[in-house]
Amino acid sequence: MMGELYSQSLAGTATQIEHVDGTVEPLEAARWFEPIDGDEALLSRCVSPTLDVGSGPGRLTATLARRGVTALGIDITPHAVQLTRRAGGFALCRDVFDHVPGSGRWATLLLADGNIGIGAHPDALLRRARQLIRPGGSVLVELETPETTSRVERVRLRRADAVGDWFGWARVSAGDIARLAQAAGFATTERWQEAGRWFAALR
């Protein structure tokens, strides 16, 4: 059900994120179709080939392709993959923890739009990312502000007539990323802010 609700949100259906304490917020899926202030800070650091994990409708994957950067988007939602292809990007329906083409050969791996939260275990996700990149490659991560407390939340998607299953999602503070990166085997961490967004490059 979660995948169906997410797909419908990409098609324009009003969808909300519900937290276990009862609070809700809109799932603003429409914003992932167009460039977002701060994207350039990520795109300018991408080197061929780039793997965009949780690529959604493909704004970053397609932009890189237009710039001549070899890029592949992966997403677990078939509709998101179709949207990426329509936008001019290459994409596969794939879970990052399953078989990914080019494992160990990607120069850049993107975890934009909070996708460090995938799987609710950022330490495991970073270890997996390190397996996927080549020696000397980098992982570009979007993070919460340094003042945010890193945490794992239980959330679900809902619309007026349907509710999805609960799932875990992690939020990682920019203040914690160096520690997590080191534990996952990365030697250096560059951190920066752009357009109110926080990012890090792990190498």
Foldseek 3Di string as FASTA:
>chain_A
DQLVLLLVVLVPAWKWKAFPVGDIDTPNLVVLQDDDFPVCVVLVPAAAPEEEEQCFLPPSQLVCVVVVHRYEYEDLHPSSQVSNVVSPGHYDNDDLPDDDPQFQDGQEYECPPQNCFPPPDNLVVLLSVNRRHHVNHKYKHWADEQVDDWDKTWIWMDHPPDTDDTDITIHHYPVCVVVSLVSSPFDDKDWDDTPNIIMIMTD
